[in-house]
C-alpha atoms as a PDB file:
ATOM      1  CA  MET A   1      18.053 -52.089  21.058  1.00  0.00           C
ATOM      2  CA  LEU A   2      21.131 -49.985  20.584  1.00  0.00           C
ATOM      3  CA  LEU A   3      22.800 -49.732  17.179  1.00  0.00           C
ATOM      4  CA  LEU A   4      26.577 -49.485  17.550  1.00  0.00           C
ATOM      5  CA  SER A   5      28.560 -47.235  15.229  1.00  0.00           C
ATOM      6  CA  ALA A   6      31.210 -48.507  12.827  1.00  0.00           C
ATOM      7  CA  LYS A   7      33.968 -47.748  15.363  1.00  0.00           C
ATOM      8  CA  TRP A   8      33.176 -51.055  17.122  1.00  0.00           C
ATOM      9  CA  ALA A   9      33.159 -53.117  13.906  1.00  0.00           C
ATOM     10  CA  PRO A  10      36.893 -54.010  13.852  1.00  0.00           C
ATOM     11  CA  LEU A  11      36.712 -55.338  17.413  1.00  0.00           C
ATOM     12  CA  LEU A  12      33.498 -57.275  16.919  1.00  0.00           C
ATOM     13  CA  THR A  13      34.419 -58.774  13.546  1.00  0.00           C
ATOM     14  CA  SER A  14      37.783 -59.940  14.887  1.00  0.00           C
ATOM     15  CA  GLN A  15      36.120 -61.997  17.637  1.00  0.00           C
ATOM     16  CA  PRO A  16      34.331 -65.354  17.321  1.00  0.00           C
ATOM     17  CA  GLU A  17      30.561 -65.633  17.317  1.00  0.00           C
ATOM     18  CA  ALA A  18      28.523 -67.480  19.945  1.00  0.00           C
ATOM     19  CA  GLY A  19      26.047 -68.393  17.225  1.00  0.00           C
ATOM     20  CA  MET A  20      25.262 -67.442  13.661  1.00  0.00           C
ATOM     21  CA  GLY A  21      25.590 -63.650  13.561  1.00  0.00           C
ATOM     22  CA  TRP A  22      25.617 -62.963  17.301  1.00  0.00           C
ATOM     23  CA  GLN A  23      28.068 -62.577  20.173  1.00  0.00           C
ATOM     24  CA  VAL A  24      27.851 -62.304  23.939  1.00  0.00           C
ATOM     25  CA  ALA A  25      29.939 -59.637  25.626  1.00  0.00           C
ATOM     26  CA  THR A  26      30.639 -57.731  28.793  1.00  0.00           C
ATOM     27  CA  ILE A  27      30.255 -54.000  28.326  1.00  0.00           C
ATOM     28  CA  ARG A  28      32.078 -51.666  30.677  1.00  0.00           C
ATOM     29  CA  LEU A  29      30.926 -48.078  30.892  1.00  0.00           C
ATOM     30  CA  LYS A  30      32.946 -44.936  31.474  1.00  0.00           C
ATOM     31  CA  ASP A  31      31.237 -44.460  34.848  1.00  0.00           C
ATOM     32  CA  GLY A  32      32.533 -47.849  36.073  1.00  0.00           C
ATOM     33  CA  ARG A  33      29.350 -49.883  35.675  1.00  0.00           C
ATOM     34  CA  SER A  34      29.631 -53.225  33.938  1.00  0.00           C
ATOM     35  CA  PHE A  35      26.995 -55.312  32.153  1.00  0.00           C
ATOM     36  CA  GLU A  36      27.549 -59.007  31.508  1.00  0.00           C
ATOM     37  CA  HIS A  37      25.661 -61.296  29.128  1.00  0.00           C
ATOM     38  CA  VAL A  38      25.102 -58.554  26.559  1.00  0.00           C
ATOM     39  CA  VAL A  39      23.867 -60.019  23.280  1.00  0.00           C
ATOM     40  CA  ILE A  40      25.238 -58.200  20.235  1.00  0.00           C
ATOM     41  CA  GLN A  41      23.607 -59.136  16.964  1.00  0.00           C
ATOM     42  CA  ALA A  42      24.785 -57.669  13.663  1.00  0.00           C
ATOM     43  CA  GLY A  43      26.346 -54.653  15.386  1.00  0.00           C
ATOM     44  CA  THR A  44      23.335 -54.001  17.598  1.00  0.00           C
ATOM     45  CA  VAL A  45      23.114 -54.429  21.356  1.00  0.00           C
ATOM     46  CA  ALA A  46      19.958 -56.548  21.352  1.00  0.00           C
ATOM     47  CA  SER A  47      19.544 -57.457  25.022  1.00  0.00           C
ATOM     48  CA  ILE A  48      21.222 -57.883  28.378  1.00  0.00           C
ATOM     49  CA  ALA A  49      20.580 -61.378  29.765  1.00  0.00           C
ATOM     50  CA  ASN A  50      17.251 -61.557  27.888  1.00  0.00           C
ATOM     51  CA  ASP A  51      16.129 -58.082  29.040  1.00  0.00           C
ATOM     52  CA  PRO A  52      15.546 -55.865  25.976  1.00  0.00           C
ATOM     53  CA  HIS A  53      15.966 -52.654  28.054  1.00  0.00           C
ATOM     54  CA  ILE A  54      19.415 -51.157  27.382  1.00  0.00           C
ATOM     55  CA  PRO A  55      20.237 -48.712  30.226  1.00  0.00           C
ATOM     56  CA  PHE A  56      23.061 -46.879  28.455  1.00  0.00           C
ATOM     57  CA  PHE A  57      24.006 -45.097  25.246  1.00  0.00           C
ATOM     58  CA  GLU A  58      26.926 -45.801  22.941  1.00  0.00           C
ATOM     59  CA  ASP A  59      28.781 -42.713  24.189  1.00  0.00           C
ATOM     60  CA  ASP A  60      28.757 -44.296  27.672  1.00  0.00           C
ATOM     61  CA  ILE A  61      30.729 -47.366  26.538  1.00  0.00           C
ATOM     62  CA  ALA A  62      34.392 -47.566  27.499  1.00  0.00           C
ATOM     63  CA  GLN A  63      35.057 -51.185  26.533  1.00  0.00           C
ATOM     64  CA  ILE A  64      33.429 -54.214  24.937  1.00  0.00           C
ATOM     65  CA  VAL A  65      34.853 -57.617  25.807  1.00  0.00           C
ATOM     66  CA  VAL A  66      33.471 -60.530  23.792  1.00  0.00           C
ATOM     67  CA  THR A  67      33.105 -63.524  26.107  1.00  0.00           C
ATOM     68  CA  ASN A  68      30.502 -65.685  24.353  1.00  0.00           C
ATOM     69  CA  ASP A  69      29.506 -66.887  27.825  1.00  0.00           C
ATOM     70  CA  ILE A  70      26.009 -68.335  27.382  1.00  0.00           C
ATOM     71  CA  SER A  71      25.784 -69.956  30.833  1.00  0.00           C
ATOM     72  CA  TRP A  72      23.023 -67.505  31.862  1.00  0.00           C
ATOM     73  CA  ARG A  73      20.700 -68.895  29.170  1.00  0.00           C
ATOM     74  CA  HIS A  74      20.108 -72.207  30.965  1.00  0.00           C
END
C-alpha cells in the first residue's frame, strides 16, 4: 500500500466514489508509464487490479485520473 500525501486530497475528494470510501483511478507517472484499475481507499493506493504490489512511489506520480472503471473486477 502507498499512503498519498494531502496534496492529492482536493482532487480525490472532488471526484465521485466507486463504492463506500474507495475510488478507481488511472495513475500516470512522470516517466510515462500508466497504471489502470488503481484502487484508492481513504487516500491510500491499496492495489492495482487486485495486485497489492505498488511498483512506484508518490514522487513518481504525475497525474491521477479517477475513472471508477470496475470492469476488470468481473
